[in-house]
Amino acid sequence: MTKKETYEVAQQTLDIYCGILFNNQEFECGGREGAVYEFNCPEFEKLRNKYDLTKIAGKGSDFVRAKKLLHYLAPRLTHSSYYDNHIENNSLRLLEYSFNNPEQGINCLSKSKILVECCLALGIYSRRVVIMPFSPYDFDNHVVTEIYDRTLGKWIMLDPTTDGYFIDEAKTPLSLLEMRDKFANAEFITFVKSKDNMADIHKLREKHVEINSYICKNLFYFSVEKYSTFGSKGKYLNFVPANFSVKKTEVATLKYKLNNIPKEYEELRPFLEKELQKAQQHSEPTRTSIQSMQKQPI
């Protein structure tokens, strides 16, 4: 395809994802449980000193400092979709394994964990968020970081996999929920990368149409890590659109995988069958009110 044809296909795909969000703007009611942020973990002192985080982040607002950490870490962490999460899920172990080591890539789940903990180590409210697609036949999702900027009084999404974030027409950095709303209502929004010149943001939107489309696809529902701390406690808060069943979607996804296993991956069938049994037995995940995702952490 020509460059123009590639752009047109990406834009048409983006329009479809925006339409899905438009028709699913209301979220399920749920509990008021909030995330917990822990700044005083003893490991954070070692993290700050070993990677000179205070100097790298410099001075400025929470967003300015977090953005400097993002731009420092992202190019030094190779991405690998095949990484199997075998390294202990904390920033010290993950950085020891992957920092400046192209042969040992990690996935978005681990990259976002690193950025969250580096921000926490500097006193910046931050959380890891799993962003999920609508279709049960889409096996791909994404994981990003959100930080709370006390100067702007808002959450801001930072993506350590793509080394960027999203802005509106006023060049204001956006939260995940703001991004979702902008896409759903066909308002101006675009991804910006660390080295982008923002003199013409409309050209940037054209340049990044594929990233815009990819992230939009994954803004259907969210799982926020409940405990932002050193390491992982494995608990998440779920924010789900009205009348959407996470359980049914997971079951349909696993059935689809089982029915379409390539011959070279046939050894995965027993594992997928067990996962399907577990998914069918599980109850629908508990929902949390969307207000809990929006509220200030302080």
Protein backbone atom coordinates (compact mmCIF):
# COMPACT_ATOMS: atom_id res chain seq x y z
CA MET A 1 0.00 0.00 0.00
CA THR A 2 1.05 3.56 -0.54
CA LYS A 3 1.66 5.87 2.40
CA LYS A 4 -1.66 7.59 1.69
CA GLU A 5 -3.54 4.27 1.58
CA THR A 6 -1.90 3.15 4.85
CA TYR A 7 -2.99 6.38 6.51
CA GLU A 8 -6.56 6.04 5.22
CA VAL A 9 -6.86 2.47 6.52
CA ALA A 10 -5.48 3.48 9.93
CA GLN A 11 -7.89 6.42 10.10
CA GLN A 12 -10.85 4.24 9.15
CA THR A 13 -9.86 1.73 11.82
CA LEU A 14 -9.52 4.54 14.36
CA ASP A 15 -13.01 5.78 13.47
CA ILE A 16 -14.44 2.32 14.23
CA TYR A 17 -12.73 2.19 17.64
CA CYS A 18 -13.95 5.72 18.40
CA GLY A 19 -17.48 4.63 17.52
CA ILE A 20 -17.28 1.69 19.92
CA LEU A 21 -16.28 4.07 22.72
CA PHE A 22 -19.03 6.53 21.76
CA ASN A 23 -21.65 3.82 22.24
CA ASN A 24 -20.18 2.72 25.58
CA GLN A 25 -19.54 5.92 27.51
CA GLU A 26 -21.47 4.96 30.65
CA PHE A 27 -19.63 2.85 33.24
CA GLU A 28 -21.05 0.28 35.67
CA CYS A 29 -21.71 1.45 39.20
CA GLY A 30 -19.54 -0.24 41.79
CA GLY A 31 -17.66 0.11 45.02
CA ARG A 32 -15.80 3.23 46.10
CA GLU A 33 -12.58 1.41 46.88
CA GLY A 34 -9.50 3.41 45.95
CA ALA A 35 -5.88 2.68 45.15
CA VAL A 36 -3.20 2.80 47.85
CA TYR A 37 0.09 4.66 47.30
CA GLU A 38 3.18 3.77 49.33
CA PHE A 39 6.18 6.12 49.18
CA ASN A 40 8.25 4.90 52.09
CA CYS A 41 9.30 1.46 50.92
CA PRO A 42 12.95 0.94 52.00
CA GLU A 43 13.88 -0.32 48.50
CA PHE A 44 13.14 3.10 47.01
CA GLU A 45 16.28 4.62 48.54
CA LYS A 46 18.42 2.01 46.79
CA LEU A 47 16.49 2.60 43.55
CA ARG A 48 17.03 6.38 43.75
CA ASN A 49 20.74 6.05 44.44
CA LYS A 50 21.59 3.24 42.05
CA TYR A 51 19.97 4.94 39.05
CA ASP A 52 20.52 8.57 40.09
CA LEU A 53 16.79 9.26 39.76
CA THR A 54 16.78 12.59 41.61
CA LYS A 55 19.34 14.07 39.20
CA ILE A 56 17.63 12.62 36.12
CA ALA A 57 14.19 13.93 37.10
CA GLY A 58 15.54 17.34 38.05
CA LYS A 59 13.25 20.08 39.27
CA GLY A 60 9.76 21.08 38.21
CA SER A 61 6.20 19.80 38.44
CA ASP A 62 5.34 16.15 38.95
CA PHE A 63 4.60 15.85 35.22
CA VAL A 64 7.88 17.48 34.18
CA ARG A 65 9.91 15.21 36.46
CA ALA A 66 7.99 12.06 35.52
CA LYS A 67 8.33 12.90 31.82
CA LYS A 68 12.12 13.15 32.22
CA LEU A 69 12.15 9.72 33.85
CA LEU A 70 10.00 8.38 31.01
CA HIS A 71 12.32 9.75 28.32
CA TYR A 72 15.38 8.45 30.13
CA LEU A 73 14.08 4.93 30.77
CA ALA A 74 12.10 4.16 27.60
CA PRO A 75 15.01 4.04 25.09
CA ARG A 76 17.06 1.93 27.50
CA LEU A 77 14.42 -0.80 27.90
CA THR A 78 14.06 -3.08 24.90
CA HIS A 79 10.54 -4.28 24.18
CA SER A 80 9.78 -7.98 23.84
CA SER A 81 6.24 -9.30 23.40
CA TYR A 82 7.60 -12.79 24.13
CA TYR A 83 8.97 -11.93 27.58
CA ASP A 84 7.41 -14.46 29.98
CA ASN A 85 7.42 -12.42 33.24
CA HIS A 86 9.95 -14.75 34.85
CA ILE A 87 11.79 -11.92 36.61
CA GLU A 88 10.45 -10.81 40.00
CA ASN A 89 8.04 -7.94 39.35
CA ASN A 90 9.81 -4.98 40.93
CA SER A 91 11.91 -2.18 39.50
CA LEU A 92 15.26 -3.24 40.99
CA ARG A 93 15.12 -6.78 39.58
CA LEU A 94 13.62 -5.70 36.26
CA LEU A 95 16.20 -2.95 35.72
CA GLU A 96 19.00 -5.31 36.70
CA TYR A 97 17.75 -7.70 34.03
CA SER A 98 16.88 -5.33 31.19
CA PHE A 99 18.37 -1.84 31.62
CA ASN A 100 20.70 -1.08 28.68
CA ASN A 101 20.55 -4.77 27.75
CA PRO A 102 18.96 -5.19 24.29
CA GLU A 103 19.28 -8.97 24.48
CA GLN A 104 16.89 -9.12 27.44
CA GLY A 105 13.71 -7.32 26.51
CA ILE A 106 10.65 -6.97 28.70
CA ASN A 107 6.96 -6.29 28.05
CA CYS A 108 4.70 -3.31 28.73
CA LEU A 109 3.54 -4.80 32.05
CA SER A 110 7.09 -4.70 33.36
CA LYS A 111 8.06 -1.37 31.80
CA SER A 112 5.09 0.33 33.42
CA LYS A 113 6.04 -1.22 36.78
CA ILE A 114 9.52 0.28 36.51
CA LEU A 115 8.20 3.76 35.76
CA VAL A 116 5.61 3.59 38.54
CA GLU A 117 8.20 2.66 41.15
CA CYS A 118 10.72 5.26 39.95
CA CYS A 119 8.01 7.92 40.27
CA LEU A 120 6.96 6.70 43.72
CA ALA A 121 10.61 6.81 44.79
CA LEU A 122 10.55 10.55 44.04
CA GLY A 123 7.25 11.18 45.82
CA ILE A 124 5.11 11.29 42.66
CA TYR A 125 1.71 9.60 42.83
CA SER A 126 1.73 6.92 40.15
CA ARG A 127 -0.16 3.76 39.25
CA ARG A 128 -0.03 0.91 36.75
CA VAL A 129 -3.11 0.56 34.53
CA VAL A 130 -4.05 -2.32 32.23
CA ILE A 131 -6.02 -0.98 29.26
CA MET A 132 -8.25 -3.48 27.48
CA PRO A 133 -10.00 -3.87 24.09
CA PHE A 134 -13.69 -4.50 23.42
CA SER A 135 -13.42 -7.55 21.17
CA PRO A 136 -13.05 -11.04 22.69
CA TYR A 137 -11.14 -12.02 19.55
CA ASP A 138 -8.44 -9.42 20.14
CA PHE A 139 -5.66 -11.07 22.16
CA ASP A 140 -3.67 -7.89 22.57
CA ASN A 141 -3.95 -5.39 25.40
CA HIS A 142 -1.56 -2.79 26.79
CA VAL A 143 -0.24 -1.56 30.14
CA VAL A 144 0.66 2.05 30.88
CA THR A 145 1.44 4.36 33.79
CA GLU A 146 -0.62 7.24 35.13
CA ILE A 147 0.92 9.93 37.32
CA TYR A 148 -0.89 12.61 39.30
CA ASP A 149 0.40 16.14 38.73
CA ARG A 150 -0.31 18.35 41.73
CA THR A 151 0.28 21.55 39.73
CA LEU A 152 -2.33 20.74 37.09
CA GLY A 153 -4.51 18.87 39.60
CA LYS A 154 -5.05 15.91 37.28
CA TRP A 155 -3.95 12.43 36.26
CA ILE A 156 -1.71 12.08 33.18
CA MET A 157 -0.99 8.93 31.17
CA LEU A 158 2.64 8.12 30.32
CA ASP A 159 3.53 5.16 28.11
CA PRO A 160 7.06 3.76 28.69
CA THR A 161 6.65 1.39 25.72
CA THR A 162 6.14 4.13 23.13
CA ASP A 163 7.98 6.87 25.08
CA GLY A 164 5.10 9.32 24.90
CA TYR A 165 1.75 10.59 26.10
CA PHE A 166 -1.41 12.20 24.69
CA ILE A 167 -2.43 15.85 24.41
CA ASP A 168 -5.53 17.83 23.46
CA GLU A 169 -5.67 20.85 21.15
CA ALA A 170 -4.39 23.11 23.94
CA LYS A 171 -1.40 20.75 24.30
CA THR A 172 -2.58 19.71 27.76
CA PRO A 173 -1.39 16.21 28.73
CA LEU A 174 -4.34 13.85 29.23
CA SER A 175 -5.45 11.11 31.60
CA LEU A 176 -6.78 7.79 30.33
CA LEU A 177 -10.38 8.81 31.00
CA GLU A 178 -9.86 12.14 29.25
CA MET A 179 -8.34 10.29 26.31
CA ARG A 180 -11.30 7.93 26.19
CA ASP A 181 -13.75 10.82 26.22
CA LYS A 182 -11.88 12.71 23.47
CA PHE A 183 -11.76 9.67 21.20
CA ALA A 184 -15.41 8.78 21.87
CA ASN A 185 -16.61 12.25 20.92
CA ALA A 186 -14.31 12.74 17.92
CA GLU A 187 -12.49 15.65 19.56
CA PHE A 188 -8.86 16.54 18.90
CA ILE A 189 -6.36 14.23 20.56
CA THR A 190 -2.98 12.93 19.53
CA PHE A 191 -0.01 10.97 20.78
CA VAL A 192 3.26 12.88 21.16
CA LYS A 193 6.69 11.31 21.41
CA SER A 194 9.62 12.63 23.44
CA LYS A 195 11.43 14.12 20.46
CA ASP A 196 8.37 15.47 18.68
CA ASN A 197 8.21 19.14 17.72
CA MET A 198 4.76 20.31 18.81
CA ALA A 199 4.67 23.38 16.56
CA ASP A 200 2.05 21.69 14.32
CA ILE A 201 0.06 19.21 16.38
CA HIS A 202 -2.36 18.51 13.53
CA LYS A 203 0.52 17.11 11.48
CA LEU A 204 1.54 15.13 14.53
CA ARG A 205 -1.92 13.58 14.66
CA GLU A 206 -1.52 12.43 11.05
CA LYS A 207 2.01 11.16 11.76
CA HIS A 208 0.86 9.12 14.76
CA VAL A 209 -2.46 7.87 13.44
CA GLU A 210 -1.45 4.22 13.93
CA ILE A 211 -0.45 4.74 17.59
CA ASN A 212 -3.62 6.78 18.13
CA SER A 213 -5.64 3.90 16.71
CA TYR A 214 -3.80 1.26 18.75
CA ILE A 215 -4.29 3.06 22.07
CA CYS A 216 -7.90 3.95 21.28
CA LYS A 217 -8.59 0.25 20.66
CA ASN A 218 -7.39 -0.53 24.16
CA LEU A 219 -9.40 2.10 26.03
CA PHE A 220 -12.59 0.07 26.39
CA TYR A 221 -12.13 -0.90 30.05
CA PHE A 222 -9.45 -0.55 32.70
CA SER A 223 -7.82 -2.46 35.55
CA VAL A 224 -5.87 -0.27 37.97
CA GLU A 225 -3.33 -1.87 40.27
CA LYS A 226 -4.75 -1.42 43.77
CA TYR A 227 -1.43 -1.16 45.60
CA SER A 228 1.16 1.19 44.11
CA THR A 229 4.19 0.04 46.04
CA PHE A 230 7.49 -1.78 45.64
CA GLY A 231 6.69 -5.12 44.05
CA SER A 232 3.27 -6.41 43.16
CA LYS A 233 0.43 -7.65 45.36
CA GLY A 234 -1.62 -8.84 42.37
CA LYS A 235 -4.83 -6.95 43.19
CA TYR A 236 -6.64 -4.72 40.70
CA LEU A 237 -9.64 -2.40 40.64
CA ASN A 238 -11.86 -2.95 37.58
CA PHE A 239 -13.60 -0.11 35.74
CA VAL A 240 -16.03 -1.56 33.21
CA PRO A 241 -18.63 -0.03 30.83
CA ALA A 242 -22.30 -0.66 31.57
CA ASN A 243 -23.72 -4.03 30.47
CA PHE A 244 -20.29 -5.42 29.56
CA SER A 245 -19.28 -8.83 30.92
CA VAL A 246 -15.58 -9.34 31.54
CA LYS A 247 -16.21 -13.02 32.29
CA LYS A 248 -18.07 -13.69 29.04
CA THR A 249 -15.35 -11.90 27.11
CA GLU A 250 -12.57 -13.92 28.74
CA VAL A 251 -14.43 -17.20 28.09
CA ALA A 252 -15.04 -16.26 24.45
CA THR A 253 -11.37 -15.32 24.03
CA LEU A 254 -10.16 -18.66 25.38
CA LYS A 255 -12.62 -20.63 23.24
CA TYR A 256 -11.48 -18.72 20.18
CA LYS A 257 -7.83 -19.44 20.99
CA LEU A 258 -8.56 -23.15 21.44
CA ASN A 259 -10.37 -23.31 18.11
CA ASN A 260 -7.58 -21.53 16.27
CA ILE A 261 -4.33 -22.88 17.71
CA PRO A 262 -1.64 -23.08 15.02
CA LYS A 263 -0.11 -26.53 14.71
CA GLU A 264 3.26 -25.30 16.00
CA TYR A 265 1.61 -24.23 19.29
CA GLU A 266 -0.50 -27.32 19.85
CA GLU A 267 1.37 -28.02 23.11
CA LEU A 268 -0.46 -25.03 24.60
CA ARG A 269 -3.85 -26.73 24.33
CA PRO A 270 -3.86 -28.35 27.83
CA PHE A 271 -2.93 -25.03 29.42
CA LEU A 272 -5.68 -23.15 27.55
CA GLU A 273 -8.24 -25.81 28.44
CA LYS A 274 -7.41 -25.40 32.14
CA GLU A 275 -7.62 -21.62 31.82
CA LEU A 276 -11.03 -21.95 30.15
CA GLN A 277 -12.31 -24.16 32.98
CA LYS A 278 -11.14 -21.63 35.55
CA ALA A 279 -12.69 -18.72 33.64
CA GLN A 280 -16.04 -20.53 33.41
CA GLN A 281 -16.04 -21.20 37.16
CA HIS A 282 -15.05 -17.68 38.20
CA SER A 283 -17.69 -15.10 39.03
CA GLU A 284 -17.84 -11.74 37.28
CA PRO A 285 -14.98 -9.53 38.57
CA THR A 286 -16.01 -6.92 41.13
CA ARG A 287 -16.54 -3.47 39.62
CA THR A 288 -15.34 -0.20 41.08
CA SER A 289 -17.09 3.12 40.53
CA ILE A 290 -15.46 5.20 37.81
CA GLN A 291 -15.33 8.11 40.27
CA SER A 292 -12.59 6.21 42.13
CA MET A 293 -10.42 6.30 39.02
CA GLN A 294 -11.06 10.02 38.52
CA LYS A 295 -10.56 11.27 42.06
CA GLN A 296 -7.47 13.02 43.36
CA PRO A 297 -5.18 10.78 45.41
CA ILE A 298 -4.60 13.58 47.95
